[in-house]
Amino acid sequence: MDQKELLIHFWEKEATATRKVISRIPQGTCDYKPEVKSRTAREIAWLIVMEEKILAEGIENGALDWSETTPPETIQEILDVYDRHHDDVTARLKAIATEQYEKEMPFKVGGNELYRATGFDFAWEFLFDKVHHRGQLSTYLRPMGSTVPSIYGPTADEPF
């Protein structure tokens, strides 16, 4: 299995758990955050969705350009965007030539270049960051009055 196949394998494998965690965010408490500096659950869920979009566009175009966008008001809207775009983003990542992943490209925030890396580096970083934020969200669920789904195995809420 080459690097691209491995990346796509884990990209697809992690998607189911990511969607489950986002779907457990209760609308009534979606603006919960455990500390003033933290993002809200709704903001984190939207961040995950936007990371996918920006990654595919960035590798296709040879430059990743991050800009903050206001999340939709409801978790259902966020899930709808995720459901509409995840399969398309996955297909796009599969279609990108290996040579494009191997190219060095800039990562910009608000138009300012922060650093450069290969498309593969960015793809793995974004996947790991999505998993990180999914874990962060999973710690928010119980305090928000929800349950934690199985991610890599049973939870107190979903035992085998």
Protein backbone atom coordinates (compact mmCIF):
# COMPACT_ATOMS: atom_id res chain seq x y z
CA MET A 1 0.00 0.00 0.00
CA ASP A 2 1.50 3.34 -1.00
CA GLN A 3 1.20 6.57 0.97
CA LYS A 4 -1.84 7.82 -0.93
CA GLU A 5 -3.70 4.53 -0.46
CA LEU A 6 -2.85 4.55 3.24
CA LEU A 7 -4.03 8.14 3.61
CA ILE A 8 -7.34 7.43 1.86
CA HIS A 9 -7.80 4.25 3.91
CA PHE A 10 -7.57 6.14 7.20
CA TRP A 11 -9.49 9.15 5.83
CA GLU A 12 -12.44 6.88 5.07
CA LYS A 13 -12.07 4.83 8.26
CA GLU A 14 -12.20 7.89 10.53
CA ALA A 15 -15.20 9.48 8.78
CA THR A 16 -17.88 7.28 10.36
CA ALA A 17 -16.77 8.03 13.92
CA THR A 18 -16.38 11.72 13.12
CA ARG A 19 -19.95 11.95 11.84
CA LYS A 20 -21.25 10.02 14.87
CA VAL A 21 -19.59 12.43 17.30
CA ILE A 22 -20.89 15.52 15.49
CA SER A 23 -24.39 14.02 15.37
CA ARG A 24 -24.41 13.61 19.16
CA ILE A 25 -24.03 17.35 19.82
CA PRO A 26 -27.35 18.50 21.31
CA GLN A 27 -28.71 21.60 19.60
CA GLY A 28 -29.82 23.11 22.91
CA THR A 29 -26.30 23.08 24.31
CA CYS A 30 -24.25 23.29 21.09
CA ASP A 31 -22.59 26.50 22.22
CA TYR A 32 -21.11 24.77 25.26
CA LYS A 33 -17.41 25.26 25.88
CA PRO A 34 -15.57 24.11 28.99
CA GLU A 35 -13.46 27.24 29.34
CA VAL A 36 -13.61 30.79 28.06
CA LYS A 37 -10.67 30.31 25.65
CA SER A 38 -12.16 27.14 24.17
CA ARG A 39 -14.18 26.95 20.99
CA THR A 40 -17.82 25.95 21.30
CA ALA A 41 -18.93 22.49 20.24
CA ARG A 42 -20.69 24.03 17.22
CA GLU A 43 -17.50 25.88 16.22
CA ILE A 44 -15.39 22.73 16.51
CA ALA A 45 -17.86 20.71 14.46
CA TRP A 46 -17.75 23.39 11.75
CA LEU A 47 -13.95 23.50 11.92
CA ILE A 48 -13.86 19.78 11.11
CA VAL A 49 -16.14 20.28 8.10
CA MET A 50 -14.11 23.24 6.84
CA GLU A 51 -10.81 21.38 7.23
CA GLU A 52 -11.99 18.78 4.74
CA LYS A 53 -13.05 21.40 2.20
CA ILE A 54 -9.90 23.48 2.50
CA LEU A 55 -7.63 20.43 2.30
CA ALA A 56 -9.08 19.16 -0.98
CA GLU A 57 -9.14 22.62 -2.56
CA GLY A 58 -5.65 23.40 -1.33
CA ILE A 59 -3.96 20.29 -2.62
CA GLU A 60 -5.78 20.60 -5.94
CA ASN A 61 -4.70 24.25 -6.28
CA GLY A 62 -1.21 23.94 -4.79
CA ALA A 63 -1.86 26.29 -1.84
CA LEU A 64 -3.94 25.86 1.31
CA ASP A 65 -5.62 29.08 2.39
CA TRP A 66 -7.45 29.00 5.72
CA SER A 67 -9.98 31.62 6.65
CA GLU A 68 -12.38 31.51 9.55
CA THR A 69 -16.03 31.27 8.61
CA THR A 70 -19.07 31.60 10.82
CA PRO A 71 -20.62 28.21 11.57
CA PRO A 72 -24.24 27.54 10.71
CA GLU A 73 -26.70 28.04 13.55
CA THR A 74 -27.72 24.41 13.89
CA ILE A 75 -25.91 21.13 14.25
CA GLN A 76 -28.27 19.68 11.63
CA GLU A 77 -27.04 22.27 9.11
CA ILE A 78 -23.44 21.32 9.91
CA LEU A 79 -24.26 17.62 9.46
CA ASP A 80 -26.05 18.38 6.20
CA VAL A 81 -22.95 20.16 4.87
CA TYR A 82 -20.74 17.30 6.06
CA ASP A 83 -23.03 14.74 4.42
CA ARG A 84 -23.19 16.70 1.16
CA HIS A 85 -19.46 17.30 0.90
CA HIS A 86 -17.57 14.47 2.59
CA ASP A 87 -17.98 11.94 -0.22
CA ASP A 88 -17.13 14.59 -2.81
CA VAL A 89 -14.03 15.64 -0.89
CA THR A 90 -12.99 11.99 -0.56
CA ALA A 91 -13.44 11.43 -4.31
CA ARG A 92 -11.40 14.56 -5.01
CA LEU A 93 -8.59 13.41 -2.69
CA LYS A 94 -8.56 10.06 -4.50
CA ALA A 95 -8.42 11.77 -7.90
CA ILE A 96 -5.48 14.03 -7.06
CA ALA A 97 -2.32 12.69 -8.68
CA THR A 98 0.38 11.40 -6.36
CA GLU A 99 2.76 13.93 -7.91
CA GLN A 100 0.53 16.76 -6.70
CA TYR A 101 0.61 15.39 -3.13
CA GLU A 102 4.40 15.31 -3.35
CA LYS A 103 4.71 18.99 -4.26
CA GLU A 104 5.60 21.56 -1.64
CA MET A 105 2.93 24.20 -1.19
CA PRO A 106 2.17 27.06 1.20
CA PHE A 107 -0.29 27.07 4.08
CA LYS A 108 -1.81 30.50 4.45
CA VAL A 109 -4.06 31.95 7.10
CA GLY A 110 -5.92 35.06 6.03
CA GLY A 111 -3.60 35.32 3.03
CA ASN A 112 -0.39 35.25 5.12
CA GLU A 113 1.90 32.28 4.56
CA LEU A 114 2.68 30.42 7.79
CA TYR A 115 4.82 27.62 6.38
CA ARG A 116 5.32 25.27 3.45
CA ALA A 117 5.03 21.50 3.29
CA THR A 118 4.07 18.78 0.84
CA GLY A 119 0.47 17.94 0.06
CA PHE A 120 0.99 14.62 1.84
CA ASP A 121 2.21 16.44 4.95
CA PHE A 122 -0.87 18.65 4.93
CA ALA A 123 -3.23 15.75 4.27
CA TRP A 124 -1.90 13.81 7.26
CA GLU A 125 -1.84 16.93 9.45
CA PHE A 126 -5.45 17.74 8.59
CA LEU A 127 -6.55 14.15 9.21
CA PHE A 128 -4.78 14.09 12.58
CA ASP A 129 -6.25 17.49 13.45
CA LYS A 130 -9.76 16.26 12.62
CA VAL A 131 -9.21 13.25 14.90
CA HIS A 132 -7.87 15.58 17.61
CA HIS A 133 -10.91 17.87 17.39
CA ARG A 134 -13.26 14.88 17.29
CA GLY A 135 -11.68 13.74 20.56
CA GLN A 136 -12.09 17.22 21.96
CA LEU A 137 -15.77 17.16 20.99
CA SER A 138 -16.23 13.73 22.55
CA THR A 139 -15.20 15.20 25.92
CA TYR A 140 -17.86 17.89 25.54
CA LEU A 141 -20.73 15.46 24.92
CA ARG A 142 -21.55 14.27 28.45
CA PRO A 143 -21.37 17.75 30.03
CA MET A 144 -23.76 18.87 27.26
CA GLY A 145 -26.21 16.11 28.24
CA SER A 146 -25.43 13.67 25.44
CA THR A 147 -23.71 10.31 25.10
CA VAL A 148 -20.33 9.31 23.73
CA PRO A 149 -20.46 6.97 20.73
CA SER A 150 -18.10 4.12 20.13
CA ILE A 151 -15.05 5.45 18.28
CA TYR A 152 -12.34 2.78 18.52
CA GLY A 153 -14.18 0.54 20.93
CA PRO A 154 -16.89 0.56 23.55
CA THR A 155 -17.71 3.54 25.73
CA ALA A 156 -19.67 3.73 28.97
CA ASP A 157 -22.59 4.85 26.80
CA GLU A 158 -22.15 2.18 24.08
CA PRO A 159 -20.68 -0.98 25.55
CA PHE A 160 -20.32 -4.04 23.34
